[in-house]
C-alpha atoms as a PDB file:
ATOM      1  CA  MET A   1       5.582  -3.283   0.562  1.00  0.00           C
ATOM      2  CA  ALA A   2       3.995  -6.609   0.001  1.00  0.00           C
ATOM      3  CA  ALA A   3       1.569  -6.723  -2.881  1.00  0.00           C
ATOM      4  CA  PRO A   4      -0.214 -10.059  -2.761  1.00  0.00           C
ATOM      5  CA  SER A   5      -3.470 -10.734  -4.498  1.00  0.00           C
ATOM      6  CA  CYS A   6      -6.161 -13.254  -3.865  1.00  0.00           C
ATOM      7  CA  ASN A   7      -8.243 -15.452  -6.134  1.00  0.00           C
ATOM      8  CA  ALA A   8     -11.575 -16.417  -4.641  1.00  0.00           C
ATOM      9  CA  LEU A   9     -14.592 -18.018  -6.295  1.00  0.00           C
ATOM     10  CA  GLY A  10     -13.006 -17.699  -9.717  1.00  0.00           C
ATOM     11  CA  LEU A  11     -12.501 -13.947  -9.496  1.00  0.00           C
ATOM     12  CA  TRP A  12      -9.027 -12.474  -9.839  1.00  0.00           C
ATOM     13  CA  VAL A  13      -8.003  -9.089  -8.512  1.00  0.00           C
ATOM     14  CA  ARG A  14      -4.450  -7.785  -8.445  1.00  0.00           C
ATOM     15  CA  GLY A  15      -3.045  -6.497  -5.374  1.00  0.00           C
ATOM     16  CA  SER A  16      -1.478  -6.916   0.665  1.00  0.00           C
ATOM     17  CA  GLY A  17      -0.868  16.438  17.314  1.00  0.00           C
ATOM     18  CA  GLN A  18       0.846  16.071  19.904  1.00  0.00           C
ATOM     19  CA  CYS A  19      -1.686  16.879  22.548  1.00  0.00           C
ATOM     20  CA  LEU A  20      -0.309  19.231  25.133  1.00  0.00           C
ATOM     21  CA  GLY A  21      -2.256  18.816  28.337  1.00  0.00           C
ATOM     22  CA  SER A  22      -1.255  21.316  31.009  1.00  0.00           C
ATOM     23  CA  ARG A  23      -2.811  21.433  34.434  1.00  0.00           C
ATOM     24  CA  PHE A  24      -2.065  24.345  36.745  1.00  0.00           C
ATOM     25  CA  ILE A  25      -2.811  24.453  40.469  1.00  0.00           C
ATOM     26  CA  LEU A  26      -3.225  28.039  41.564  1.00  0.00           C
ATOM     27  CA  ALA A  27      -2.186  28.499  45.182  1.00  0.00           C
ATOM     28  CA  CYS A  28      -3.640  31.158  47.424  1.00  0.00           C
ATOM     29  CA  GLN A  29      -0.359  33.008  47.964  1.00  0.00           C
ATOM     30  CA  PRO A  30      -0.001  36.130  45.830  1.00  0.00           C
ATOM     31  CA  PHE A  31       3.608  35.315  44.787  1.00  0.00           C
ATOM     32  CA  CYS A  32       2.361  32.238  42.901  1.00  0.00           C
ATOM     33  CA  SER A  33       0.145  34.180  40.508  1.00  0.00           C
ATOM     34  CA  SER A  34       2.998  35.537  38.375  1.00  0.00           C
ATOM     35  CA  ALA A  35       4.559  32.059  38.033  1.00  0.00           C
ATOM     36  CA  ALA A  36       1.230  30.586  36.994  1.00  0.00           C
ATOM     37  CA  ALA A  37       0.708  33.346  34.438  1.00  0.00           C
ATOM     38  CA  SER A  38       4.193  32.782  33.055  1.00  0.00           C
ATOM     39  CA  GLY A  39       3.579  29.047  32.840  1.00  0.00           C
ATOM     40  CA  THR A  40       0.289  29.621  31.019  1.00  0.00           C
ATOM     41  CA  LEU A  41       2.002  31.956  28.551  1.00  0.00           C
ATOM     42  CA  ASN A  42       4.783  29.451  27.856  1.00  0.00           C
ATOM     43  CA  ALA A  43       2.231  26.669  27.345  1.00  0.00           C
ATOM     44  CA  GLN A  44       0.283  28.812  24.893  1.00  0.00           C
ATOM     45  CA  ARG A  45       3.423  29.631  22.921  1.00  0.00           C
ATOM     46  CA  LEU A  46       4.392  25.961  22.799  1.00  0.00           C
ATOM     47  CA  ALA A  47       0.901  24.941  21.696  1.00  0.00           C
ATOM     48  CA  GLU A  48       0.921  27.591  18.952  1.00  0.00           C
ATOM     49  CA  LYS A  49       4.343  26.411  17.794  1.00  0.00           C
ATOM     50  CA  LEU A  50       3.187  22.795  17.634  1.00  0.00           C
ATOM     51  CA  ARG A  51       0.068  23.775  15.704  1.00  0.00           C
ATOM     52  CA  SER A  52       2.094  25.787  13.192  1.00  0.00           C
ATOM     53  CA  GLN A  53       4.556  22.904  12.727  1.00  0.00           C
ATOM     54  CA  LYS A  54       1.704  20.465  12.168  1.00  0.00           C
ATOM     55  CA  GLN A  55       0.080  22.807   9.641  1.00  0.00           C
ATOM     56  CA  GLU A  56       3.420  23.262   7.870  1.00  0.00           C
ATOM     57  CA  GLN A  57       3.810  19.489   7.570  1.00  0.00           C
ATOM     58  CA  LYS A  58       0.338  19.231   6.047  1.00  0.00           C
ATOM     59  CA  THR A  59       0.971  21.941   3.484  1.00  0.00           C
ATOM     60  CA  ARG A  60       4.474  20.788   2.596  1.00  0.00           C
ATOM     61  CA  LYS A  61       4.199  18.838  -0.651  1.00  0.00           C
ATOM     62  CA  GLN A  62       6.333  15.806  -1.337  1.00  0.00           C
ATOM     63  CA  PRO A  63       8.185  15.809  -4.650  1.00  0.00           C
ATOM     64  CA  VAL A  64       6.320  13.868  -7.314  1.00  0.00           C
ATOM     65  CA  PRO A  65       8.442  10.897  -8.500  1.00  0.00           C
ATOM     66  CA  THR A  66       9.171  10.753 -12.209  1.00  0.00           C
ATOM     67  CA  ASN A  67       9.088   6.950 -12.198  1.00  0.00           C
ATOM     68  CA  PRO A  68       5.459   5.856 -12.830  1.00  0.00           C
ATOM     69  CA  VAL A  69       5.781   2.869 -10.484  1.00  0.00           C
ATOM     70  CA  GLN A  70       7.087   5.037  -7.629  1.00  0.00           C
ATOM     71  CA  ARG A  71       4.358   7.576  -8.325  1.00  0.00           C
ATOM     72  CA  ARG A  72       1.685   4.866  -8.106  1.00  0.00           C
ATOM     73  CA  VAL A  73       3.166   3.561  -4.831  1.00  0.00           C
ATOM     74  CA  GLN A  74       3.090   7.088  -3.388  1.00  0.00           C
ATOM     75  CA  GLU A  75      -0.567   7.425  -4.404  1.00  0.00           C
ATOM     76  CA  LEU A  76      -1.480   4.103  -2.758  1.00  0.00           C
ATOM     77  CA  VAL A  77       0.310   5.001   0.478  1.00  0.00           C
ATOM     78  CA  ARG A  78      -1.428   8.372   0.636  1.00  0.00           C
ATOM     79  CA  PHE A  79      -4.795   6.756  -0.122  1.00  0.00           C
ATOM     80  CA  THR A  80      -4.475   4.108   2.607  1.00  0.00           C
ATOM     81  CA  GLN A  81      -3.342   6.681   5.163  1.00  0.00           C
ATOM     82  CA  GLN A  82      -6.424   8.726   4.373  1.00  0.00           C
ATOM     83  CA  LEU A  83      -8.729   5.702   4.683  1.00  0.00           C
ATOM     84  CA  GLN A  84      -7.631   5.130   8.275  1.00  0.00           C
ATOM     85  CA  ARG A  85      -8.627   8.676   9.272  1.00  0.00           C
ATOM     86  CA  VAL A  86     -11.867   9.198   7.379  1.00  0.00           C
ATOM     87  CA  HIS A  87     -15.475   9.023   8.512  1.00  0.00           C
ATOM     88  CA  PRO A  88     -17.000   5.496   8.259  1.00  0.00           C
ATOM     89  CA  ASN A  89     -19.347   6.713   5.518  1.00  0.00           C
ATOM     90  CA  VAL A  90     -16.363   7.775   3.404  1.00  0.00           C
ATOM     91  CA  LEU A  91     -14.704   4.387   3.864  1.00  0.00           C
ATOM     92  CA  ALA A  92     -17.915   2.569   2.931  1.00  0.00           C
ATOM     93  CA  LYS A  93     -18.157   4.695  -0.211  1.00  0.00           C
ATOM     94  CA  ALA A  94     -14.566   3.847  -1.139  1.00  0.00           C
ATOM     95  CA  LEU A  95     -15.278   0.123  -0.661  1.00  0.00           C
ATOM     96  CA  SER A  96     -18.392   0.370  -2.821  1.00  0.00           C
ATOM     97  CA  ARG A  97     -16.280   1.777  -5.650  1.00  0.00           C
ATOM     98  CA  GLY A  98     -13.999  -1.256  -5.338  1.00  0.00           C
ATOM     99  CA  ILE A  99     -16.733  -3.864  -5.844  1.00  0.00           C
ATOM    100  CA  VAL A 100     -15.621  -6.451  -8.405  1.00  0.00           C
ATOM    101  CA  HIS A 101     -18.704  -8.699  -8.244  1.00  0.00           C
ATOM    102  CA  GLN A 102     -22.215  -8.466  -6.846  1.00  0.00           C
ATOM    103  CA  ASP A 103     -25.274 -10.719  -7.013  1.00  0.00           C
ATOM    104  CA  LYS A 104     -28.263 -11.628  -4.834  1.00  0.00           C
ATOM    105  CA  ASP A 105     -26.076 -13.674  -2.463  1.00  0.00           C
ATOM    106  CA  LEU A 106     -22.575 -12.181  -2.464  1.00  0.00           C
ATOM    107  CA  VAL A 107     -20.638  -8.948  -2.685  1.00  0.00           C
ATOM    108  CA  VAL A 108     -16.956  -9.180  -3.606  1.00  0.00           C
ATOM    109  CA  ILE A 109     -14.786  -6.146  -2.828  1.00  0.00           C
ATOM    110  CA  ASN A 110     -11.165  -5.257  -3.478  1.00  0.00           C
ATOM    111  CA  LYS A 111      -9.653  -4.738  -0.019  1.00  0.00           C
ATOM    112  CA  PRO A 112      -7.210  -1.805   0.149  1.00  0.00           C
ATOM    113  CA  TYR A 113      -3.724  -2.112   1.617  1.00  0.00           C
ATOM    114  CA  GLY A 114      -3.228  -1.167   5.273  1.00  0.00           C
ATOM    115  CA  LEU A 115      -6.882  -1.506   6.244  1.00  0.00           C
ATOM    116  CA  PRO A 116      -7.655  -4.052   9.010  1.00  0.00           C
ATOM    117  CA  VAL A 117     -10.653  -6.349   8.676  1.00  0.00           C
ATOM    118  CA  HIS A 118     -11.390  -6.537  12.411  1.00  0.00           C
ATOM    119  CA  GLY A 119     -10.970  -4.097  15.278  1.00  0.00           C
ATOM    120  CA  GLY A 120      -8.296  -4.345  17.953  1.00  0.00           C
ATOM    121  CA  PRO A 121      -5.795  -2.315  19.978  1.00  0.00           C
ATOM    122  CA  GLY A 122      -4.917   0.877  18.126  1.00  0.00           C
ATOM    123  CA  VAL A 123      -7.456   0.236  15.342  1.00  0.00           C
ATOM    124  CA  GLN A 124      -9.682   3.252  14.767  1.00  0.00           C
ATOM    125  CA  LEU A 125     -11.545   2.012  11.712  1.00  0.00           C
ATOM    126  CA  CYS A 126     -11.891  -1.400  10.080  1.00  0.00           C
ATOM    127  CA  ILE A 127     -13.943  -3.111   7.397  1.00  0.00           C
ATOM    128  CA  SER A 128     -16.290  -4.903   9.799  1.00  0.00           C
ATOM    129  CA  ASP A 129     -17.275  -1.517  11.296  1.00  0.00           C
ATOM    130  CA  VAL A 130     -18.640  -0.212   8.008  1.00  0.00           C
ATOM    131  CA  LEU A 131     -20.474  -3.305   6.715  1.00  0.00           C
ATOM    132  CA  PRO A 132     -23.866  -1.993   7.918  1.00  0.00           C
ATOM    133  CA  ILE A 133     -23.234   1.322   6.113  1.00  0.00           C
ATOM    134  CA  LEU A 134     -22.055  -0.443   2.939  1.00  0.00           C
ATOM    135  CA  ALA A 135     -25.196  -2.618   2.930  1.00  0.00           C
ATOM    136  CA  LYS A 136     -27.436   0.453   3.165  1.00  0.00           C
ATOM    137  CA  MET A 137     -25.564   2.119   0.311  1.00  0.00           C
ATOM    138  CA  LEU A 138     -26.168  -0.924  -1.889  1.00  0.00           C
ATOM    139  CA  ARG A 139     -29.733  -1.902  -0.896  1.00  0.00           C
ATOM    140  CA  GLY A 140     -31.265   1.049   0.893  1.00  0.00           C
ATOM    141  CA  HIS A 141     -31.759   2.057   4.518  1.00  0.00           C
ATOM    142  CA  LYS A 142     -33.660  -1.105   5.480  1.00  0.00           C
ATOM    143  CA  ALA A 143     -30.851  -3.444   4.402  1.00  0.00           C
ATOM    144  CA  GLU A 144     -29.379  -5.848   6.940  1.00  0.00           C
ATOM    145  CA  PRO A 145     -25.584  -5.693   7.483  1.00  0.00           C
ATOM    146  CA  LEU A 146     -23.316  -7.711   5.212  1.00  0.00           C
ATOM    147  CA  HIS A 147     -21.423 -10.665   6.709  1.00  0.00           C
ATOM    148  CA  LEU A 148     -17.709 -11.475   6.432  1.00  0.00           C
ATOM    149  CA  CYS A 149     -16.931 -14.810   4.803  1.00  0.00           C
ATOM    150  CA  HIS A 150     -13.191 -14.815   5.532  1.00  0.00           C
ATOM    151  CA  ARG A 151     -10.400 -12.447   6.531  1.00  0.00           C
ATOM    152  CA  LEU A 152      -7.248 -10.927   5.078  1.00  0.00           C
ATOM    153  CA  ASP A 153      -4.261  -9.492   6.905  1.00  0.00           C
ATOM    154  CA  LYS A 154      -4.093  -5.724   7.276  1.00  0.00           C
ATOM    155  CA  GLU A 155      -1.148  -5.499   4.841  1.00  0.00           C
ATOM    156  CA  THR A 156      -2.813  -7.738   2.225  1.00  0.00           C
ATOM    157  CA  THR A 157      -4.797  -6.411  -0.711  1.00  0.00           C
ATOM    158  CA  GLY A 158      -7.177  -8.324  -2.925  1.00  0.00           C
ATOM    159  CA  VAL A 159     -10.516 -10.092  -3.099  1.00  0.00           C
ATOM    160  CA  MET A 160     -12.752 -10.187  -0.024  1.00  0.00           C
ATOM    161  CA  VAL A 161     -16.051 -12.066  -0.140  1.00  0.00           C
ATOM    162  CA  LEU A 162     -19.088 -10.752   1.759  1.00  0.00           C
ATOM    163  CA  ALA A 163     -22.518 -12.372   2.026  1.00  0.00           C
ATOM    164  CA  TRP A 164     -25.971 -10.866   2.428  1.00  0.00           C
ATOM    165  CA  GLU A 165     -27.292 -13.688   4.610  1.00  0.00           C
ATOM    166  CA  LYS A 166     -25.615 -15.346   7.580  1.00  0.00           C
ATOM    167  CA  GLU A 167     -26.432 -18.792   6.193  1.00  0.00           C
ATOM    168  CA  MET A 168     -24.701 -17.987   2.910  1.00  0.00           C
ATOM    169  CA  ALA A 169     -21.678 -16.679   4.835  1.00  0.00           C
ATOM    170  CA  HIS A 170     -21.480 -20.008   6.688  1.00  0.00           C
ATOM    171  CA  GLN A 171     -21.622 -21.897   3.375  1.00  0.00           C
ATOM    172  CA  VAL A 172     -18.757 -19.844   1.935  1.00  0.00           C
ATOM    173  CA  GLN A 173     -16.773 -20.244   5.163  1.00  0.00           C
ATOM    174  CA  GLU A 174     -17.218 -24.010   4.853  1.00  0.00           C
ATOM    175  CA  LEU A 175     -15.855 -23.851   1.289  1.00  0.00           C
ATOM    176  CA  PHE A 176     -12.786 -22.065   2.610  1.00  0.00           C
ATOM    177  CA  ARG A 177     -12.445 -24.502   5.519  1.00  0.00           C
ATOM    178  CA  THR A 178     -12.621 -27.568   3.262  1.00  0.00           C
ATOM    179  CA  ARG A 179     -10.192 -25.923   0.788  1.00  0.00           C
ATOM    180  CA  GLN A 180     -12.648 -25.872  -2.111  1.00  0.00           C
ATOM    181  CA  VAL A 181     -11.765 -22.241  -2.806  1.00  0.00           C
ATOM    182  CA  VAL A 182      -8.531 -21.747  -4.747  1.00  0.00           C
ATOM    183  CA  LYS A 183      -6.633 -18.808  -3.266  1.00  0.00           C
ATOM    184  CA  LYS A 184      -3.654 -17.284  -5.020  1.00  0.00           C
ATOM    185  CA  TYR A 185      -1.502 -14.403  -3.836  1.00  0.00           C
ATOM    186  CA  TRP A 186       1.133 -12.285  -5.501  1.00  0.00           C
ATOM    187  CA  ALA A 187       4.012 -11.057  -3.377  1.00  0.00           C
ATOM    188  CA  ILE A 188       7.321  -9.295  -3.944  1.00  0.00           C
ATOM    189  CA  ALA A 189      10.070 -11.103  -2.053  1.00  0.00           C
ATOM    190  CA  VAL A 190      13.557 -10.028  -1.079  1.00  0.00           C
ATOM    191  CA  ARG A 191      15.974 -12.326  -2.921  1.00  0.00           C
ATOM    192  CA  VAL A 192      15.015 -15.056  -5.401  1.00  0.00           C
ATOM    193  CA  PRO A 193      13.993 -18.495  -4.066  1.00  0.00           C
ATOM    194  CA  VAL A 194      15.825 -21.587  -5.241  1.00  0.00           C
ATOM    195  CA  PRO A 195      14.363 -23.574  -6.903  1.00  0.00           C
ATOM    196  CA  SER A 196      12.137 -21.146  -8.783  1.00  0.00           C
ATOM    197  CA  ALA A 197       9.038 -23.272  -8.162  1.00  0.00           C
ATOM    198  CA  GLY A 198       8.122 -25.829  -5.563  1.00  0.00           C
ATOM    199  CA  VAL A 199       6.209 -26.738  -2.418  1.00  0.00           C
ATOM    200  CA  VAL A 200       7.066 -25.763   1.153  1.00  0.00           C
ATOM    201  CA  ASP A 201       5.691 -28.466   3.442  1.00  0.00           C
ATOM    202  CA  ILE A 202       6.853 -27.527   6.950  1.00  0.00           C
ATOM    203  CA  PRO A 203       4.620 -27.382  10.048  1.00  0.00           C
ATOM    204  CA  ILE A 204       4.209 -24.039  11.812  1.00  0.00           C
ATOM    205  CA  VAL A 205       3.933 -23.266  15.529  1.00  0.00           C
ATOM    206  CA  GLU A 206       3.612 -20.077  17.583  1.00  0.00           C
ATOM    207  CA  LYS A 207       6.508 -19.364  19.958  1.00  0.00           C
ATOM    208  CA  GLU A 208       7.567 -16.606  22.314  1.00  0.00           C
ATOM    209  CA  VAL A 209      10.637 -14.643  21.256  1.00  0.00           C
ATOM    210  CA  GLN A 210      12.909 -13.966  24.234  1.00  0.00           C
ATOM    211  CA  GLY A 211      14.924 -10.794  24.567  1.00  0.00           C
ATOM    212  CA  PRO A 212      14.455  -7.100  25.324  1.00  0.00           C
ATOM    213  CA  GLN A 213      11.305  -7.070  23.145  1.00  0.00           C
ATOM    214  CA  GLN A 214       9.391 -10.147  24.229  1.00  0.00           C
ATOM    215  CA  HIS A 215       6.711 -11.022  21.705  1.00  0.00           C
ATOM    216  CA  TYR A 216       5.139 -13.960  19.889  1.00  0.00           C
ATOM    217  CA  LYS A 217       5.749 -15.093  16.335  1.00  0.00           C
ATOM    218  CA  MET A 218       4.803 -18.011  14.161  1.00  0.00           C
ATOM    219  CA  THR A 219       7.808 -20.114  13.187  1.00  0.00           C
ATOM    220  CA  LEU A 220       8.755 -23.398  11.559  1.00  0.00           C
ATOM    221  CA  SER A 221       8.524 -26.700  13.386  1.00  0.00           C
ATOM    222  CA  PRO A 222      10.113 -29.143  10.902  1.00  0.00           C
ATOM    223  CA  GLY A 223       9.624 -32.867  11.278  1.00  0.00           C
ATOM    224  CA  TYR A 224      13.164 -33.586  10.030  1.00  0.00           C
ATOM    225  CA  ARG A 225      16.645 -32.185  10.617  1.00  0.00           C
ATOM    226  CA  MET A 226      20.140 -32.744   9.228  1.00  0.00           C
ATOM    227  CA  ASP A 227      22.519 -34.793  11.389  1.00  0.00           C
ATOM    228  CA  ASN A 228      26.054 -35.339  10.005  1.00  0.00           C
ATOM    229  CA  GLY A 229      24.776 -34.954   6.480  1.00  0.00           C
ATOM    230  CA  LYS A 230      21.849 -37.306   7.001  1.00  0.00           C
ATOM    231  CA  MET A 231      18.189 -36.393   7.327  1.00  0.00           C
ATOM    232  CA  VAL A 232      16.677 -37.742  10.532  1.00  0.00           C
ATOM    233  CA  ARG A 233      13.251 -37.369  12.076  1.00  0.00           C
ATOM    234  CA  ALA A 234      12.948 -34.554  14.618  1.00  0.00           C
ATOM    235  CA  ARG A 235      10.592 -34.205  17.538  1.00  0.00           C
ATOM    236  CA  THR A 236       7.906 -31.690  16.629  1.00  0.00           C
ATOM    237  CA  SER A 237       5.800 -29.597  18.961  1.00  0.00           C
ATOM    238  CA  ARG A 238       2.379 -30.970  19.789  1.00  0.00           C
ATOM    239  CA  ASN A 239       1.009 -27.491  19.035  1.00  0.00           C
ATOM    240  CA  ALA A 240       2.448 -27.428  15.510  1.00  0.00           C
ATOM    241  CA  HIS A 241       0.045 -27.160  12.565  1.00  0.00           C
ATOM    242  CA  VAL A 242       0.495 -28.785   9.168  1.00  0.00           C
ATOM    243  CA  ALA A 243       1.283 -26.020   6.667  1.00  0.00           C
ATOM    244  CA  VAL A 244       1.765 -26.427   2.910  1.00  0.00           C
ATOM    245  CA  THR A 245       2.457 -23.652   0.379  1.00  0.00           C
ATOM    246  CA  GLN A 246       2.962 -23.871  -3.381  1.00  0.00           C
ATOM    247  CA  TYR A 247       5.063 -21.110  -4.936  1.00  0.00           C
ATOM    248  CA  GLN A 248       6.308 -20.061  -8.350  1.00  0.00           C
ATOM    249  CA  VAL A 249       8.559 -17.228  -9.513  1.00  0.00           C
ATOM    250  CA  LEU A 250       6.741 -15.108 -12.087  1.00  0.00           C
ATOM    251  CA  SER A 251       9.520 -12.558 -12.602  1.00  0.00           C
ATOM    252  CA  SER A 252      12.801 -11.719 -10.918  1.00  0.00           C
ATOM    253  CA  THR A 253      15.796  -9.413 -10.705  1.00  0.00           C
ATOM    254  CA  LEU A 254      19.141 -10.073  -9.052  1.00  0.00           C
ATOM    255  CA  SER A 255      17.781  -9.126  -5.625  1.00  0.00           C
ATOM    256  CA  SER A 256      14.009  -9.636  -5.716  1.00  0.00           C
ATOM    257  CA  ALA A 257      11.247 -11.766  -7.167  1.00  0.00           C
ATOM    258  CA  LEU A 258       7.546 -11.562  -7.948  1.00  0.00           C
ATOM    259  CA  LEU A 259       5.990 -14.770  -6.641  1.00  0.00           C
ATOM    260  CA  GLU A 260       2.661 -16.481  -7.078  1.00  0.00           C
ATOM    261  CA  LEU A 261       1.711 -18.218  -3.848  1.00  0.00           C
ATOM    262  CA  GLN A 262      -1.021 -20.764  -3.266  1.00  0.00           C
ATOM    263  CA  PRO A 263      -1.627 -21.792   0.346  1.00  0.00           C
ATOM    264  CA  ILE A 264      -2.924 -25.357   0.495  1.00  0.00           C
ATOM    265  CA  THR A 265      -3.563 -24.939   4.214  1.00  0.00           C
ATOM    266  CA  GLY A 266      -4.686 -21.858   6.088  1.00  0.00           C
ATOM    267  CA  ILE A 267      -2.410 -21.357   9.087  1.00  0.00           C
ATOM    268  CA  LYS A 268      -1.864 -17.935  10.652  1.00  0.00           C
ATOM    269  CA  HIS A 269       0.881 -15.977   8.802  1.00  0.00           C
ATOM    270  CA  GLN A 270       1.682 -19.111   6.794  1.00  0.00           C
ATOM    271  CA  LEU A 271       2.907 -17.430   3.611  1.00  0.00           C
ATOM    272  CA  ARG A 272       5.067 -14.936   5.495  1.00  0.00           C
ATOM    273  CA  VAL A 273       6.684 -17.659   7.620  1.00  0.00           C
ATOM    274  CA  HIS A 274       7.291 -20.089   4.756  1.00  0.00           C
ATOM    275  CA  LEU A 275       8.854 -17.377   2.609  1.00  0.00           C
ATOM    276  CA  SER A 276      11.047 -15.867   5.320  1.00  0.00           C
ATOM    277  CA  PHE A 277      12.107 -18.874   7.385  1.00  0.00           C
ATOM    278  CA  GLY A 278      11.565 -21.636   4.811  1.00  0.00           C
ATOM    279  CA  LEU A 279      12.932 -20.059   1.627  1.00  0.00           C
ATOM    280  CA  ASP A 280      14.978 -17.211   3.176  1.00  0.00           C
ATOM    281  CA  CYS A 281      13.070 -14.758   0.972  1.00  0.00           C
ATOM    282  CA  PRO A 282      10.958 -12.534   3.236  1.00  0.00           C
ATOM    283  CA  ILE A 283       8.171 -10.479   1.731  1.00  0.00           C
ATOM    284  CA  LEU A 284       9.242  -6.942   0.916  1.00  0.00           C
ATOM    285  CA  GLY A 285       8.025  -4.693   3.731  1.00  0.00           C
ATOM    286  CA  ASP A 286       7.350  -7.533   6.193  1.00  0.00           C
ATOM    287  CA  HIS A 287       9.091  -6.095   9.251  1.00  0.00           C
ATOM    288  CA  LYS A 288       7.814  -8.741  11.670  1.00  0.00           C
ATOM    289  CA  TYR A 289       9.168 -11.827   9.922  1.00  0.00           C
ATOM    290  CA  SER A 290      12.328 -10.428   8.335  1.00  0.00           C
ATOM    291  CA  ASP A 291      14.191 -11.146  11.587  1.00  0.00           C
ATOM    292  CA  TRP A 292      13.393 -13.712  14.265  1.00  0.00           C
ATOM    293  CA  ASN A 293      15.054 -12.118  17.282  1.00  0.00           C
ATOM    294  CA  LYS A 294      13.748  -8.576  17.096  1.00  0.00           C
ATOM    295  CA  LEU A 295      10.962  -6.294  15.968  1.00  0.00           C
ATOM    296  CA  ALA A 296      12.627  -3.737  13.732  1.00  0.00           C
ATOM    297  CA  PRO A 297      12.249  -2.245  10.256  1.00  0.00           C
ATOM    298  CA  GLN A 298      13.303  -4.568   7.462  1.00  0.00           C
ATOM    299  CA  VAL A 299      16.864  -3.979   6.296  1.00  0.00           C
ATOM    300  CA  ILE A 300      17.470  -4.160   2.555  1.00  0.00           C
ATOM    301  CA  LEU A 301      21.042  -4.446   1.296  1.00  0.00           C
ATOM    302  CA  VAL A 302      21.588  -2.571  -1.961  1.00  0.00           C
END
């Protein structure tokens, strides 16, 4: 699980039933009635069995880990799973409890892990959906909806800045665009980068991954390559974007590291790509960028 955090505007917050549908056509012939009745009975038994299995899974309690870190991770996973299934009012209430700063212009919340900012395919609930409800909770029923000033990936936790007025949101967005906001993330990476601190300055481009699972990923588009031990200029894609990331190891073990990351630019999936393909240290839990050729769960060698 990646656990980055974000520093914005000087504020620091730690943190990224089976439905059985049966349709029966009853024919006019008498000999079909017994078959239909039998089919209905079997469907009912199967539906009852599925309901009992689902109820058993709900009531079955997972063992509580003795390790406090594992116990906290289990709590966070359970909390984020619940947030994706709750009523919008419940989500807005949870966000209001996570407010880290509020004034007449801005509201700064602590975004939970696993919660998307915007809607999309398969997204049932997102932060943008509940901004009108959150505004009413904070300023009463006549309050206008809050406005997003920036976005965070679904798997990222940390500071999110909201504005009361659209004009203020545009001003904050301009600060982000002109890189006047210092953003810092914390992430747990698989393996330890060498050197322990530095700058990754490699352009990034989006490419289609060929194979049985065709999909698109961001990847590196370096301006130089090694040729017989010499560094020579390489032809870069015209669609490549300049991408620069500062990183520093805060703590490490033999097989993992806690990193502080500061993106100087703001390219899509920049930190994930620079860590995985630039430093060969993918973020823990990043299944998409742990392997270029396929979409599969991240494999950790222990």
